[in-house]
């Protein structure tokens, strides 16, 4: 059953119940990357929440520097000897100072992540886009606005119960797909974030996010059809796979399928 309020949010994200209301103002983009669009949507931080600040302290230089990656599968490895002890803020500082791959040479800002410290949902996207690179925040612009509506449709939000990050923490040039070595270089940071955050569920948005988290090469369509699990500190955490919001902006007809994924996530949290 969908409440009147939820129905309003669903219509805002382009999904009507029980049919699809396609937003004719959205024009398919020739860019097939995961980047967000150019209209920023600044997020507010209400009292009582504990977001991770994106402006990091001056002590970045004092953090241990990562060693060079030598394996494409680094989820169980760490870029520095003290990574396993770092707090969420210290992880953000380490990401900002990271020079683990060539993306550090072209980025404006690294994008460690943003949200509450004990989230119900950890959202993992693929890589920052142009607006994220400029602002140092994940999922801004039109993709961020769509994500906000998707979350509100199931009773959640980045200011109240969600933490948002990406598999790759720096923008690939020209919004190209992230390379294996770039994903591997960032994998220890993501692994430590998941340990510290200990979410109740994970929402993987896009093929690279899903395949990286689940260590598989299965296509996105197949991964969407099941609820997966990963182990975090001895706890089995469910993982739901869905489309990236940037893809949904290019192909609004698939918002209906994304809504089915969100309903599955809501049921897991209920």
C-alpha atoms as a PDB file:
ATOM      1  CA  UNK A   1       0.000   0.000   0.000  1.00  0.00           C
ATOM      2  CA  UNK A   2       1.326   3.427  -0.944  1.00  0.00           C
ATOM      3  CA  UNK A   3       0.369   6.402   1.234  1.00  0.00           C
ATOM      4  CA  UNK A   4      -0.666   9.751  -0.217  1.00  0.00           C
ATOM      5  CA  UNK A   5       2.693  11.241   0.799  1.00  0.00           C
ATOM      6  CA  UNK A   6       4.659   8.359  -0.739  1.00  0.00           C
ATOM      7  CA  UNK A   7       2.554   8.670  -3.886  1.00  0.00           C
ATOM      8  CA  UNK A   8       3.597  12.306  -4.124  1.00  0.00           C
ATOM      9  CA  UNK A   9       7.283  11.420  -3.861  1.00  0.00           C
ATOM     10  CA  UNK A  10       6.876   8.662  -6.407  1.00  0.00           C
ATOM     11  CA  UNK A  11       5.331  11.087  -8.867  1.00  0.00           C
ATOM     12  CA  UNK A  12       8.230  13.462  -8.205  1.00  0.00           C
ATOM     13  CA  UNK A  13      10.720  10.760  -9.216  1.00  0.00           C
ATOM     14  CA  UNK A  14       8.688   9.946 -12.330  1.00  0.00           C
ATOM     15  CA  UNK A  15       6.801   6.852 -11.147  1.00  0.00           C
ATOM     16  CA  UNK A  16       3.026   6.836 -10.899  1.00  0.00           C
ATOM     17  CA  UNK A  17       1.111   3.986  -9.301  1.00  0.00           C
ATOM     18  CA  UNK A  18       0.268   1.678 -10.951  1.00  0.00           C
ATOM     19  CA  UNK A  19       1.592   3.180 -14.177  1.00  0.00           C
ATOM     20  CA  UNK A  20       4.635   5.149 -15.289  1.00  0.00           C
ATOM     21  CA  UNK A  21       4.516   8.900 -15.717  1.00  0.00           C
ATOM     22  CA  UNK A  22       7.449   9.666 -18.001  1.00  0.00           C
ATOM     23  CA  UNK A  23       8.879  13.165 -17.586  1.00  0.00           C
ATOM     24  CA  UNK A  24       8.907  14.515 -21.140  1.00  0.00           C
ATOM     25  CA  UNK A  25      11.234  17.326 -20.063  1.00  0.00           C
ATOM     26  CA  UNK A  26      14.057  14.855 -19.565  1.00  0.00           C
ATOM     27  CA  UNK A  27      16.033  14.514 -22.786  1.00  0.00           C
ATOM     28  CA  UNK A  28      18.196  11.467 -23.273  1.00  0.00           C
ATOM     29  CA  UNK A  29      21.834  12.333 -22.851  1.00  0.00           C
ATOM     30  CA  UNK A  30      24.487  11.088 -25.290  1.00  0.00           C
ATOM     31  CA  UNK A  31      26.853  10.765 -22.339  1.00  0.00           C
ATOM     32  CA  UNK A  32      26.690   7.170 -21.137  1.00  0.00           C
ATOM     33  CA  UNK A  33      28.785   7.745 -18.039  1.00  0.00           C
ATOM     34  CA  UNK A  34      27.657   7.663 -14.419  1.00  0.00           C
ATOM     35  CA  UNK A  35      28.126  11.394 -13.882  1.00  0.00           C
ATOM     36  CA  UNK A  36      25.400  13.595 -12.381  1.00  0.00           C
ATOM     37  CA  UNK A  37      23.961  16.578 -14.223  1.00  0.00           C
ATOM     38  CA  UNK A  38      24.871  20.201 -13.858  1.00  0.00           C
ATOM     39  CA  UNK A  39      22.157  21.584 -11.544  1.00  0.00           C
ATOM     40  CA  UNK A  40      23.365  21.415  -7.961  1.00  0.00           C
ATOM     41  CA  UNK A  41      21.086  20.469  -5.078  1.00  0.00           C
ATOM     42  CA  UNK A  42      22.732  21.487  -1.795  1.00  0.00           C
ATOM     43  CA  UNK A  43      21.888  19.294   1.132  1.00  0.00           C
ATOM     44  CA  UNK A  44      21.053  20.664   4.567  1.00  0.00           C
ATOM     45  CA  UNK A  45      22.053  19.180   7.900  1.00  0.00           C
ATOM     46  CA  UNK A  46      19.329  19.274  10.570  1.00  0.00           C
ATOM     47  CA  UNK A  47      20.086  19.241  14.282  1.00  0.00           C
ATOM     48  CA  UNK A  48      20.474  15.797  15.772  1.00  0.00           C
ATOM     49  CA  UNK A  49      22.037  14.148  12.745  1.00  0.00           C
ATOM     50  CA  UNK A  50      25.735  13.386  12.581  1.00  0.00           C
ATOM     51  CA  UNK A  51      26.925  13.933   8.998  1.00  0.00           C
ATOM     52  CA  UNK A  52      30.548  13.512   8.018  1.00  0.00           C
ATOM     53  CA  UNK A  53      31.937  16.938   7.157  1.00  0.00           C
ATOM     54  CA  UNK A  54      33.333  17.303   3.704  1.00  0.00           C
ATOM     55  CA  UNK A  55      35.762  20.078   4.635  1.00  0.00           C
ATOM     56  CA  UNK A  56      38.548  18.064   6.213  1.00  0.00           C
ATOM     57  CA  UNK A  57      40.932  19.200   8.926  1.00  0.00           C
ATOM     58  CA  UNK A  58      44.385  20.574   8.344  1.00  0.00           C
ATOM     59  CA  UNK A  59      45.854  17.388   9.784  1.00  0.00           C
ATOM     60  CA  UNK A  60      45.521  15.550   6.463  1.00  0.00           C
ATOM     61  CA  UNK A  61      49.264  15.703   5.906  1.00  0.00           C
ATOM     62  CA  UNK A  62      49.867  13.918   9.192  1.00  0.00           C
ATOM     63  CA  UNK A  63      47.941  10.812   8.142  1.00  0.00           C
ATOM     64  CA  UNK A  64      49.842   7.720   6.993  1.00  0.00           C
ATOM     65  CA  UNK A  65      50.242   7.699   3.215  1.00  0.00           C
ATOM     66  CA  UNK A  66      48.944   4.656   1.296  1.00  0.00           C
ATOM     67  CA  UNK A  67      51.324   2.222  -0.307  1.00  0.00           C
ATOM     68  CA  UNK A  68      51.004   1.410  -4.003  1.00  0.00           C
ATOM     69  CA  UNK A  69      48.331  -1.080  -5.038  1.00  0.00           C
ATOM     70  CA  UNK A  70      49.635  -4.295  -6.504  1.00  0.00           C
ATOM     71  CA  UNK A  71      46.524  -6.473  -6.738  1.00  0.00           C
ATOM     72  CA  UNK A  72      43.163  -5.961  -8.480  1.00  0.00           C
ATOM     73  CA  UNK A  73      41.384  -7.402  -5.421  1.00  0.00           C
ATOM     74  CA  UNK A  74      42.205  -5.201  -2.449  1.00  0.00           C
ATOM     75  CA  UNK A  75      39.070  -5.486  -0.365  1.00  0.00           C
ATOM     76  CA  UNK A  76      40.936  -7.474   2.281  1.00  0.00           C
ATOM     77  CA  UNK A  77      44.065  -5.306   2.045  1.00  0.00           C
ATOM     78  CA  UNK A  78      44.653  -1.801   3.383  1.00  0.00           C
ATOM     79  CA  UNK A  79      46.536   1.113   1.830  1.00  0.00           C
ATOM     80  CA  UNK A  80      48.294   1.951   5.111  1.00  0.00           C
ATOM     81  CA  UNK A  81      49.112   0.174   8.360  1.00  0.00           C
ATOM     82  CA  UNK A  82      46.578   2.181  10.398  1.00  0.00           C
ATOM     83  CA  UNK A  83      43.566   2.070   8.080  1.00  0.00           C
ATOM     84  CA  UNK A  84      41.802  -0.547  10.213  1.00  0.00           C
ATOM     85  CA  UNK A  85      41.760   1.913  13.137  1.00  0.00           C
ATOM     86  CA  UNK A  86      40.607   5.024  11.277  1.00  0.00           C
ATOM     87  CA  UNK A  87      37.355   6.764  12.114  1.00  0.00           C
ATOM     88  CA  UNK A  88      34.918   7.912   9.458  1.00  0.00           C
ATOM     89  CA  UNK A  89      36.377  11.427   9.502  1.00  0.00           C
ATOM     90  CA  UNK A  90      39.921  10.073   9.259  1.00  0.00           C
ATOM     91  CA  UNK A  91      38.914   7.914   6.286  1.00  0.00           C
ATOM     92  CA  UNK A  92      37.614  11.071   4.581  1.00  0.00           C
ATOM     93  CA  UNK A  93      40.918  12.798   5.295  1.00  0.00           C
ATOM     94  CA  UNK A  94      42.890   9.850   3.935  1.00  0.00           C
ATOM     95  CA  UNK A  95      40.774   9.796   0.759  1.00  0.00           C
ATOM     96  CA  UNK A  96      41.332  13.518   0.271  1.00  0.00           C
ATOM     97  CA  UNK A  97      45.102  13.055   0.578  1.00  0.00           C
ATOM     98  CA  UNK A  98      45.207   9.854  -1.501  1.00  0.00           C
ATOM     99  CA  UNK A  99      47.511   9.616  -4.517  1.00  0.00           C
ATOM    100  CA  UNK A 100      46.960   5.911  -5.073  1.00  0.00           C
ATOM    101  CA  UNK A 101      46.087   6.182  -8.766  1.00  0.00           C
ATOM    102  CA  UNK A 102      46.202   8.662 -11.618  1.00  0.00           C
ATOM    103  CA  UNK A 103      42.790  10.156 -10.800  1.00  0.00           C
ATOM    104  CA  UNK A 104      44.434  12.349  -8.185  1.00  0.00           C
ATOM    105  CA  UNK A 105      46.092  14.289 -11.008  1.00  0.00           C
ATOM    106  CA  UNK A 106      42.835  15.371 -12.667  1.00  0.00           C
ATOM    107  CA  UNK A 107      40.379  15.674  -9.773  1.00  0.00           C
ATOM    108  CA  UNK A 108      39.279  18.947  -8.221  1.00  0.00           C
ATOM    109  CA  UNK A 109      38.008  17.332  -5.055  1.00  0.00           C
ATOM    110  CA  UNK A 110      37.963  13.768  -3.824  1.00  0.00           C
ATOM    111  CA  UNK A 111      34.490  12.640  -2.745  1.00  0.00           C
ATOM    112  CA  UNK A 112      34.754  10.422   0.357  1.00  0.00           C
ATOM    113  CA  UNK A 113      31.030  10.308   1.120  1.00  0.00           C
ATOM    114  CA  UNK A 114      28.312  12.026   3.119  1.00  0.00           C
ATOM    115  CA  UNK A 115      25.497  11.139   5.479  1.00  0.00           C
ATOM    116  CA  UNK A 116      24.695   9.973   8.996  1.00  0.00           C
ATOM    117  CA  UNK A 117      27.180   7.926  10.996  1.00  0.00           C
ATOM    118  CA  UNK A 118      24.872   4.999  11.819  1.00  0.00           C
ATOM    119  CA  UNK A 119      22.757   4.664   8.685  1.00  0.00           C
ATOM    120  CA  UNK A 120      19.915   2.305   7.964  1.00  0.00           C
ATOM    121  CA  UNK A 121      20.988   2.361   4.302  1.00  0.00           C
ATOM    122  CA  UNK A 122      24.442   2.638   2.797  1.00  0.00           C
ATOM    123  CA  UNK A 123      24.171   3.756  -0.825  1.00  0.00           C
ATOM    124  CA  UNK A 124      27.146   2.871  -3.003  1.00  0.00           C
ATOM    125  CA  UNK A 125      27.377   4.498  -6.416  1.00  0.00           C
ATOM    126  CA  UNK A 126      29.986   4.162  -9.120  1.00  0.00           C
ATOM    127  CA  UNK A 127      32.122   7.334  -9.354  1.00  0.00           C
ATOM    128  CA  UNK A 128      31.757  11.097  -8.898  1.00  0.00           C
ATOM    129  CA  UNK A 129      30.620  13.188 -11.830  1.00  0.00           C
ATOM    130  CA  UNK A 130      31.402  16.775 -12.745  1.00  0.00           C
ATOM    131  CA  UNK A 131      29.246  18.426 -10.076  1.00  0.00           C
ATOM    132  CA  UNK A 132      30.446  15.992  -7.412  1.00  0.00           C
ATOM    133  CA  UNK A 133      34.031  16.758  -8.386  1.00  0.00           C
ATOM    134  CA  UNK A 134      33.388  20.487  -8.050  1.00  0.00           C
ATOM    135  CA  UNK A 135      31.585  20.290  -4.706  1.00  0.00           C
ATOM    136  CA  UNK A 136      33.253  17.294  -3.057  1.00  0.00           C
ATOM    137  CA  UNK A 137      29.840  15.758  -2.330  1.00  0.00           C
ATOM    138  CA  UNK A 138      28.238  12.569  -3.694  1.00  0.00           C
ATOM    139  CA  UNK A 139      25.087  12.555  -5.840  1.00  0.00           C
ATOM    140  CA  UNK A 140      24.358  16.237  -6.460  1.00  0.00           C
ATOM    141  CA  UNK A 141      22.624  17.861  -9.412  1.00  0.00           C
ATOM    142  CA  UNK A 142      19.658  16.228 -11.136  1.00  0.00           C
ATOM    143  CA  UNK A 143      20.839  12.731 -10.236  1.00  0.00           C
ATOM    144  CA  UNK A 144      20.980  13.793  -6.601  1.00  0.00           C
ATOM    145  CA  UNK A 145      17.492  15.260  -6.784  1.00  0.00           C
ATOM    146  CA  UNK A 146      16.146  12.040  -8.263  1.00  0.00           C
ATOM    147  CA  UNK A 147      17.905  10.005  -5.563  1.00  0.00           C
ATOM    148  CA  UNK A 148      16.354  12.217  -2.874  1.00  0.00           C
ATOM    149  CA  UNK A 149      12.880  11.505  -4.282  1.00  0.00           C
ATOM    150  CA  UNK A 150      13.598   7.787  -4.510  1.00  0.00           C
ATOM    151  CA  UNK A 151      14.653   7.703  -0.866  1.00  0.00           C
ATOM    152  CA  UNK A 152      11.725   9.784   0.343  1.00  0.00           C
ATOM    153  CA  UNK A 153       9.365   7.389  -1.441  1.00  0.00           C
ATOM    154  CA  UNK A 154      10.468   4.676   0.999  1.00  0.00           C
ATOM    155  CA  UNK A 155      10.680   6.933   4.043  1.00  0.00           C
ATOM    156  CA  UNK A 156      14.419   7.684   4.146  1.00  0.00           C
ATOM    157  CA  UNK A 157      16.804  10.556   3.434  1.00  0.00           C
ATOM    158  CA  UNK A 158      20.499  11.416   3.447  1.00  0.00           C
ATOM    159  CA  UNK A 159      20.029  13.760   6.423  1.00  0.00           C
ATOM    160  CA  UNK A 160      18.244  11.194   8.583  1.00  0.00           C
ATOM    161  CA  UNK A 161      19.079   7.567   7.836  1.00  0.00           C
ATOM    162  CA  UNK A 162      21.420   7.251   4.844  1.00  0.00           C
ATOM    163  CA  UNK A 163      25.130   7.435   4.054  1.00  0.00           C
ATOM    164  CA  UNK A 164      26.155   7.873   0.408  1.00  0.00           C
ATOM    165  CA  UNK A 165      29.514   7.054  -1.139  1.00  0.00           C
ATOM    166  CA  UNK A 166      31.035   5.648  -4.344  1.00  0.00           C
ATOM    167  CA  UNK A 167      33.207   2.729  -5.335  1.00  0.00           C
ATOM    168  CA  UNK A 168      35.705   5.212  -6.830  1.00  0.00           C
ATOM    169  CA  UNK A 169      36.281   8.368  -4.807  1.00  0.00           C
ATOM    170  CA  UNK A 170      37.595  10.651  -7.583  1.00  0.00           C
ATOM    171  CA  UNK A 171      36.038  11.606 -10.903  1.00  0.00           C
ATOM    172  CA  UNK A 172      37.364   9.736 -13.948  1.00  0.00           C
ATOM    173  CA  UNK A 173      38.285  12.204 -16.731  1.00  0.00           C
ATOM    174  CA  UNK A 174      35.398  13.038 -19.067  1.00  0.00           C
ATOM    175  CA  UNK A 175      33.145  10.837 -16.901  1.00  0.00           C
ATOM    176  CA  UNK A 176      34.503   7.663 -18.442  1.00  0.00           C
ATOM    177  CA  UNK A 177      33.928   4.319 -16.742  1.00  0.00           C
ATOM    178  CA  UNK A 178      36.282   3.626 -13.831  1.00  0.00           C
ATOM    179  CA  UNK A 179      39.198   1.316 -14.537  1.00  0.00           C
ATOM    180  CA  UNK A 180      39.892  -1.879 -12.597  1.00  0.00           C
ATOM    181  CA  UNK A 181      43.003  -0.435 -10.995  1.00  0.00           C
ATOM    182  CA  UNK A 182      41.077   2.651  -9.861  1.00  0.00           C
ATOM    183  CA  UNK A 183      38.379   0.516  -8.282  1.00  0.00           C
ATOM    184  CA  UNK A 184      41.076  -1.597  -6.607  1.00  0.00           C
ATOM    185  CA  UNK A 185      42.865   1.474  -5.255  1.00  0.00           C
ATOM    186  CA  UNK A 186      39.678   2.721  -3.560  1.00  0.00           C
ATOM    187  CA  UNK A 187      38.416  -0.685  -2.403  1.00  0.00           C
ATOM    188  CA  UNK A 188      40.133  -0.586   1.032  1.00  0.00           C
ATOM    189  CA  UNK A 189      38.578   2.796   1.785  1.00  0.00           C
ATOM    190  CA  UNK A 190      35.107   1.499   0.933  1.00  0.00           C
ATOM    191  CA  UNK A 191      35.674  -1.658   2.951  1.00  0.00           C
ATOM    192  CA  UNK A 192      36.645   0.357   6.031  1.00  0.00           C
ATOM    193  CA  UNK A 193      33.678   2.704   5.552  1.00  0.00           C
ATOM    194  CA  UNK A 194      31.324  -0.264   5.536  1.00  0.00           C
ATOM    195  CA  UNK A 195      32.904  -1.628   8.721  1.00  0.00           C
ATOM    196  CA  UNK A 196      32.579   1.677  10.561  1.00  0.00           C
ATOM    197  CA  UNK A 197      29.076   2.502   9.307  1.00  0.00           C
ATOM    198  CA  UNK A 198      27.637  -1.003   9.912  1.00  0.00           C
ATOM    199  CA  UNK A 199      24.480  -0.290   7.846  1.00  0.00           C
ATOM    200  CA  UNK A 200      21.342  -2.372   8.096  1.00  0.00           C
ATOM    201  CA  UNK A 201      21.228  -2.702   4.298  1.00  0.00           C
ATOM    202  CA  UNK A 202      23.233  -1.638   1.248  1.00  0.00           C
ATOM    203  CA  UNK A 203      21.811  -0.239  -1.996  1.00  0.00           C
ATOM    204  CA  UNK A 204      24.233  -0.707  -4.901  1.00  0.00           C
ATOM    205  CA  UNK A 205      23.442   1.723  -7.710  1.00  0.00           C
ATOM    206  CA  UNK A 206      24.843   0.827 -11.115  1.00  0.00           C
ATOM    207  CA  UNK A 207      26.842  -2.027 -12.613  1.00  0.00           C
ATOM    208  CA  UNK A 208      30.281  -1.103 -11.301  1.00  0.00           C
ATOM    209  CA  UNK A 209      29.013  -0.652  -7.745  1.00  0.00           C
ATOM    210  CA  UNK A 210      27.142  -3.951  -7.779  1.00  0.00           C
ATOM    211  CA  UNK A 211      29.913  -5.989  -9.365  1.00  0.00           C
ATOM    212  CA  UNK A 212      32.578  -4.518  -7.085  1.00  0.00           C
ATOM    213  CA  UNK A 213      30.632  -5.144  -3.882  1.00  0.00           C
ATOM    214  CA  UNK A 214      29.523  -8.642  -4.837  1.00  0.00           C
ATOM    215  CA  UNK A 215      32.796  -9.638  -6.553  1.00  0.00           C
ATOM    216  CA  UNK A 216      31.056 -10.821  -9.685  1.00  0.00           C
ATOM    217  CA  UNK A 217      30.918 -10.071 -13.397  1.00  0.00           C
ATOM    218  CA  UNK A 218      27.216 -10.899 -13.671  1.00  0.00           C
ATOM    219  CA  UNK A 219      25.170  -8.303 -15.579  1.00  0.00           C
ATOM    220  CA  UNK A 220      23.139  -5.720 -13.710  1.00  0.00           C
ATOM    221  CA  UNK A 221      19.808  -7.123 -14.872  1.00  0.00           C
ATOM    222  CA  UNK A 222      20.607 -10.496 -13.327  1.00  0.00           C
ATOM    223  CA  UNK A 223      21.918  -8.983 -10.102  1.00  0.00           C
ATOM    224  CA  UNK A 224      18.729  -6.952  -9.710  1.00  0.00           C
ATOM    225  CA  UNK A 225      16.620 -10.088  -9.572  1.00  0.00           C
ATOM    226  CA  UNK A 226      17.837 -11.253  -6.168  1.00  0.00           C
ATOM    227  CA  UNK A 227      18.727  -9.964  -2.721  1.00  0.00           C
ATOM    228  CA  UNK A 228      22.394 -10.566  -1.989  1.00  0.00           C
ATOM    229  CA  UNK A 229      24.367 -10.507   1.255  1.00  0.00           C
ATOM    230  CA  UNK A 230      27.873  -9.545   2.306  1.00  0.00           C
ATOM    231  CA  UNK A 231      29.624 -10.147   5.600  1.00  0.00           C
ATOM    232  CA  UNK A 232      30.505  -7.110   7.709  1.00  0.00           C
ATOM    233  CA  UNK A 233      32.217  -7.914  10.978  1.00  0.00           C
ATOM    234  CA  UNK A 234      30.476 -11.269  11.259  1.00  0.00           C
ATOM    235  CA  UNK A 235      27.071  -9.813  10.412  1.00  0.00           C
ATOM    236  CA  UNK A 236      25.243 -10.689   7.198  1.00  0.00           C
ATOM    237  CA  UNK A 237      24.086  -7.455   5.537  1.00  0.00           C
ATOM    238  CA  UNK A 238      21.575  -7.558   2.650  1.00  0.00           C
ATOM    239  CA  UNK A 239      22.489  -5.892  -0.640  1.00  0.00           C
ATOM    240  CA  UNK A 240      19.870  -4.694  -3.127  1.00  0.00           C
ATOM    241  CA  UNK A 241      21.005  -3.784  -6.648  1.00  0.00           C
ATOM    242  CA  UNK A 242      19.311  -1.140  -8.764  1.00  0.00           C
ATOM    243  CA  UNK A 243      19.942   1.360 -11.557  1.00  0.00           C
ATOM    244  CA  UNK A 244      22.060   4.461 -11.134  1.00  0.00           C
ATOM    245  CA  UNK A 245      19.936   7.658 -11.077  1.00  0.00           C
ATOM    246  CA  UNK A 246      21.901   9.077 -14.029  1.00  0.00           C
ATOM    247  CA  UNK A 247      20.777   6.074 -16.083  1.00  0.00           C
ATOM    248  CA  UNK A 248      17.169   6.592 -14.992  1.00  0.00           C
ATOM    249  CA  UNK A 249      17.327  10.198 -16.170  1.00  0.00           C
ATOM    250  CA  UNK A 250      18.327   8.953 -19.610  1.00  0.00           C
ATOM    251  CA  UNK A 251      15.786   6.130 -19.600  1.00  0.00           C
ATOM    252  CA  UNK A 252      12.778   7.130 -17.455  1.00  0.00           C
ATOM    253  CA  UNK A 253      10.774   4.055 -18.451  1.00  0.00           C
ATOM    254  CA  UNK A 254      12.992   1.958 -16.159  1.00  0.00           C
ATOM    255  CA  UNK A 255      11.979   3.961 -13.090  1.00  0.00           C
ATOM    256  CA  UNK A 256       9.215   1.399 -12.660  1.00  0.00           C
ATOM    257  CA  UNK A 257      11.824  -1.328 -12.269  1.00  0.00           C
ATOM    258  CA  UNK A 258      13.832   0.803  -9.860  1.00  0.00           C
ATOM    259  CA  UNK A 259      10.692   1.248  -7.758  1.00  0.00           C
ATOM    260  CA  UNK A 260      10.410  -2.535  -7.455  1.00  0.00           C
ATOM    261  CA  UNK A 261      14.006  -2.613  -6.176  1.00  0.00           C
ATOM    262  CA  UNK A 262      13.246   0.112  -3.640  1.00  0.00           C
ATOM    263  CA  UNK A 263      10.200  -1.744  -2.384  1.00  0.00           C
ATOM    264  CA  UNK A 264      12.366  -4.811  -1.791  1.00  0.00           C
ATOM    265  CA  UNK A 265      14.796  -2.660   0.169  1.00  0.00           C
ATOM    266  CA  UNK A 266      11.964  -1.187   2.237  1.00  0.00           C
ATOM    267  CA  UNK A 267      10.696  -4.653   3.082  1.00  0.00           C
ATOM    268  CA  UNK A 268      14.158  -5.706   4.250  1.00  0.00           C
ATOM    269  CA  UNK A 269      14.273  -2.734   6.619  1.00  0.00           C
ATOM    270  CA  UNK A 270      10.744  -3.100   7.963  1.00  0.00           C
END
